[in-house]
Amino acid sequence: IVPPPEGVKTDFQVMSELAARIGVNTGFDTKEKWLSACLPENGPTISELREEIIFEFEGPNVAWADGFGHEDGKFRLLTELSAEEAPDPKHPLKLISHVRSDAIHSQILPEEQKAILPARLSPSTAAKFGLEGGSLARLVSKTGELECEIHLDDGVHPECVAVPRGGWGSLGRGVNEITEPLVTDLGDCAAFYSTGVRIEPADDRKALG
């Protein structure tokens, strides 16, 4: 819609540079090849899309109207779930890094991140860890720690702590710093809600587990 500010990288540049740093070959050496690979088969080319103001893609209006990719065309529900690992006594709470309602990912202005990271806890959980509403604390996982402010919330499960995602690490609000790089057992997705943490008063300097 508008030209990006000077120095701002495109998604393709970010992806390419990250892939190079971790030694992954994406198969795309130009943005044009990447964009072309994102288009559906037998659809318009990048050039055609740039020439047309409106381009209507062919395809069903209702997803899977003709059934799913099984012999009987029916959807397959899970019949069993993987067993949960036993809780780590050093990190007994599950970290819930929920999506913010007022921002998309990390698209948040710096002036909107001046307050300390809020951590919502059940009142019973806060009492168990010797914490009160408004007190400062630290969230500690196997990968790092973050300072936070306690917010009491009866709607949070007693075995969880909830913090908003999307904050910047440079401003002390980067939840990724304490999120373990875990993968789901189905689908190879990021297991965001499998990280175990403990929460402790900010003046209680315990060694990381």
Protein backbone atom coordinates (compact mmCIF):
# COMPACT_ATOMS: atom_id res chain seq x y z
CA ILE A 1 0.00 0.00 0.00
CA VAL A 2 2.84 2.36 0.87
CA PRO A 3 6.61 2.08 0.36
CA PRO A 4 8.36 0.58 3.40
CA PRO A 5 10.58 2.80 5.54
CA GLU A 6 14.28 2.69 4.79
CA GLY A 7 15.96 -0.41 6.20
CA VAL A 8 12.77 -2.44 6.65
CA LYS A 9 13.15 -5.94 5.17
CA THR A 10 10.52 -7.89 3.29
CA ASP A 11 9.21 -11.24 4.57
CA PHE A 12 11.26 -12.94 1.84
CA GLN A 13 14.47 -11.24 3.00
CA VAL A 14 13.82 -12.18 6.62
CA MET A 15 13.10 -15.80 5.67
CA SER A 16 16.14 -16.04 3.38
CA GLU A 17 18.58 -14.56 5.89
CA LEU A 18 17.24 -16.72 8.72
CA ALA A 19 17.49 -19.84 6.53
CA ALA A 20 21.09 -18.99 5.65
CA ARG A 21 22.01 -18.55 9.32
CA ILE A 22 20.67 -21.96 10.32
CA GLY A 23 21.86 -23.76 7.18
CA VAL A 24 18.49 -24.46 5.54
CA ASN A 25 18.09 -24.44 1.75
CA THR A 26 14.67 -22.95 0.94
CA GLY A 27 14.97 -23.59 -2.78
CA PHE A 28 14.11 -19.98 -3.61
CA ASP A 29 16.90 -17.60 -4.57
CA THR A 30 14.60 -14.78 -5.68
CA LYS A 31 11.36 -13.28 -4.41
CA GLU A 32 9.72 -13.92 -7.80
CA LYS A 33 10.32 -17.68 -7.54
CA TRP A 34 8.94 -17.71 -4.00
CA LEU A 35 5.79 -15.79 -4.93
CA SER A 36 5.24 -18.01 -7.97
CA ALA A 37 5.49 -21.14 -5.81
CA CYS A 38 2.78 -19.73 -3.53
CA LEU A 39 0.25 -19.56 -6.38
CA PRO A 40 -2.13 -22.48 -7.05
CA GLU A 41 -1.45 -24.80 -9.97
CA ASN A 42 -3.08 -23.84 -13.28
CA GLY A 43 -3.67 -20.37 -11.89
CA PRO A 44 -2.45 -16.95 -13.05
CA THR A 45 1.22 -16.05 -13.13
CA ILE A 46 2.76 -13.24 -11.13
CA SER A 47 2.86 -11.09 -14.26
CA GLU A 48 -0.84 -11.70 -14.97
CA LEU A 49 -1.77 -10.80 -11.41
CA ARG A 50 0.14 -7.54 -11.67
CA GLU A 51 -1.64 -6.64 -14.89
CA GLU A 52 -5.18 -7.39 -13.72
CA ILE A 53 -7.04 -5.24 -11.20
CA ILE A 54 -9.26 -8.19 -10.25
CA PHE A 55 -8.52 -11.84 -10.92
CA GLU A 56 -11.03 -14.51 -9.95
CA PHE A 57 -9.45 -17.81 -9.00
CA GLU A 58 -11.20 -20.98 -10.06
CA GLY A 59 -12.09 -23.37 -7.30
CA PRO A 60 -14.95 -24.64 -5.16
CA ASN A 61 -16.85 -22.11 -3.10
CA VAL A 62 -17.18 -24.64 -0.29
CA ALA A 63 -14.05 -26.37 0.97
CA TRP A 64 -14.15 -30.19 0.81
CA ALA A 65 -17.70 -30.16 -0.60
CA ASP A 66 -16.85 -33.39 -2.45
CA GLY A 67 -15.36 -35.10 0.59
CA PHE A 68 -11.91 -35.68 2.03
CA GLY A 69 -8.92 -37.59 0.71
CA HIS A 70 -9.97 -41.01 2.00
CA GLU A 71 -11.65 -43.87 0.15
CA ASP A 72 -15.01 -43.13 1.76
CA GLY A 73 -14.56 -39.36 1.51
CA LYS A 74 -15.10 -38.92 5.22
CA PHE A 75 -13.06 -36.87 7.65
CA ARG A 76 -10.91 -38.73 10.18
CA LEU A 77 -11.08 -37.63 13.80
CA LEU A 78 -8.35 -38.49 16.27
CA THR A 79 -9.07 -41.73 18.09
CA GLU A 80 -6.35 -41.37 20.71
CA LEU A 81 -4.06 -38.73 22.18
CA SER A 82 -0.41 -38.98 23.08
CA ALA A 83 0.25 -39.42 26.78
CA GLU A 84 1.23 -36.21 28.57
CA GLU A 85 4.72 -36.10 30.00
CA ALA A 86 4.93 -35.87 33.76
CA PRO A 87 5.19 -32.24 34.96
CA ASP A 88 8.70 -30.99 35.63
CA PRO A 89 8.77 -30.14 39.35
CA LYS A 90 11.21 -27.29 38.62
CA HIS A 91 8.79 -25.80 36.08
CA PRO A 92 5.31 -26.93 37.19
CA LEU A 93 3.15 -24.38 35.30
CA LYS A 94 2.21 -24.41 31.61
CA LEU A 95 2.98 -21.20 29.74
CA ILE A 96 -0.01 -19.89 27.76
CA SER A 97 1.24 -17.20 25.36
CA HIS A 98 -2.08 -15.98 24.00
CA VAL A 99 -2.71 -13.76 20.97
CA ARG A 100 -3.38 -10.10 21.74
CA SER A 101 -6.74 -8.69 20.70
CA ASP A 102 -5.27 -5.31 19.75
CA ALA A 103 -2.25 -6.30 17.63
CA ILE A 104 -1.06 -8.80 15.03
CA HIS A 105 2.03 -10.68 16.20
CA SER A 106 4.75 -8.13 17.06
CA GLN A 107 3.22 -5.20 15.17
CA ILE A 108 3.14 -3.07 18.32
CA LEU A 109 4.57 0.42 18.69
CA PRO A 110 7.37 0.83 21.26
CA GLU A 111 5.37 3.41 23.23
CA GLU A 112 2.66 0.79 23.70
CA GLN A 113 5.14 -1.51 25.46
CA LYS A 114 6.32 0.66 28.33
CA ALA A 115 4.47 -1.31 31.01
CA ILE A 116 6.04 -4.48 32.38
CA LEU A 117 4.82 -7.76 30.88
CA PRO A 118 1.54 -8.80 32.58
CA ALA A 119 1.29 -12.40 33.81
CA ARG A 120 -2.21 -13.59 34.68
CA LEU A 121 -2.50 -16.21 37.42
CA SER A 122 -5.26 -17.90 39.33
CA PRO A 123 -5.42 -16.36 42.83
CA SER A 124 -4.81 -19.82 44.34
CA THR A 125 -1.69 -20.30 42.21
CA ALA A 126 -0.37 -16.86 43.10
CA ALA A 127 -0.85 -17.60 46.81
CA LYS A 128 0.93 -20.94 46.39
CA PHE A 129 4.00 -19.15 45.01
CA GLY A 130 3.83 -16.31 47.57
CA LEU A 131 2.70 -13.69 45.05
CA GLU A 132 0.08 -10.94 45.16
CA GLY A 133 -1.67 -8.92 42.48
CA GLY A 134 0.55 -6.07 41.28
CA SER A 135 3.75 -7.62 42.62
CA LEU A 136 6.82 -8.09 40.42
CA ALA A 137 7.95 -11.58 39.57
CA ARG A 138 10.02 -13.64 37.12
CA LEU A 139 8.84 -16.34 34.73
CA VAL A 140 11.57 -18.97 34.49
CA SER A 141 11.77 -21.80 31.95
CA LYS A 142 14.57 -24.12 30.80
CA THR A 143 15.54 -21.58 28.15
CA GLY A 144 15.45 -18.26 29.97
CA GLU A 145 13.54 -15.86 32.20
CA LEU A 146 11.37 -12.75 31.92
CA GLU A 147 10.29 -10.15 34.42
CA CYS A 148 6.54 -9.72 34.78
CA GLU A 149 3.80 -8.16 36.88
CA ILE A 150 1.23 -10.39 38.58
CA HIS A 151 -2.42 -9.99 37.57
CA LEU A 152 -4.93 -12.17 39.44
CA ASP A 153 -7.54 -13.81 37.21
CA ASP A 154 -10.09 -16.44 38.30
CA GLY A 155 -10.45 -17.50 34.66
CA VAL A 156 -6.90 -18.86 34.37
CA HIS A 157 -6.42 -22.57 35.11
CA PRO A 158 -4.50 -23.13 38.38
CA GLU A 159 -1.79 -25.04 36.51
CA CYS A 160 -1.18 -22.28 33.93
CA VAL A 161 0.19 -18.77 33.64
CA ALA A 162 -1.01 -16.56 30.76
CA VAL A 163 1.01 -13.81 29.08
CA PRO A 164 0.37 -11.96 25.80
CA ARG A 165 2.63 -12.79 22.88
CA GLY A 166 4.05 -10.31 20.40
CA GLY A 167 6.13 -8.14 22.73
CA TRP A 168 9.63 -7.16 21.69
CA GLY A 169 12.63 -8.87 23.26
CA SER A 170 14.56 -5.58 23.22
CA LEU A 171 11.89 -4.12 25.54
CA GLY A 172 11.84 -7.06 27.95
CA ARG A 173 8.54 -8.43 26.66
CA GLY A 174 9.70 -11.19 24.27
CA VAL A 175 7.87 -14.35 25.30
CA ASN A 176 9.96 -16.34 22.79
CA GLU A 177 12.88 -16.01 25.20
CA ILE A 178 11.22 -18.44 27.62
CA THR A 179 9.40 -20.62 25.07
CA GLU A 180 11.05 -23.98 24.45
CA PRO A 181 11.60 -24.95 20.77
CA LEU A 182 9.28 -27.96 20.90
CA VAL A 183 7.45 -29.65 18.01
CA THR A 184 3.99 -31.26 18.07
CA ASP A 185 3.80 -35.03 17.63
CA LEU A 186 1.30 -34.54 14.76
CA GLY A 187 1.74 -32.02 11.97
CA ASP A 188 5.29 -30.86 12.87
CA CYS A 189 3.97 -27.56 14.23
CA ALA A 190 5.38 -25.40 17.00
CA ALA A 191 4.15 -26.67 20.38
CA PHE A 192 3.66 -23.22 21.86
CA TYR A 193 1.71 -24.37 24.91
CA SER A 194 4.00 -27.19 26.06
CA THR A 195 6.61 -25.02 27.77
CA GLY A 196 6.89 -25.52 31.51
CA VAL A 197 7.69 -22.52 33.72
CA ARG A 198 7.88 -21.54 37.33
CA ILE A 199 7.08 -18.12 38.69
CA GLU A 200 8.97 -16.56 41.56
CA PRO A 201 9.21 -13.21 43.32
CA ALA A 202 11.52 -10.79 41.53
CA ASP A 203 13.81 -10.55 44.56
CA ASP A 204 14.19 -14.34 44.85
CA ARG A 205 17.25 -15.18 42.75
CA LYS A 206 17.03 -18.91 42.26
CA ALA A 207 19.36 -20.73 39.87
CA LEU A 208 17.79 -21.67 36.55
CA GLY A 209 16.79 -25.34 36.35
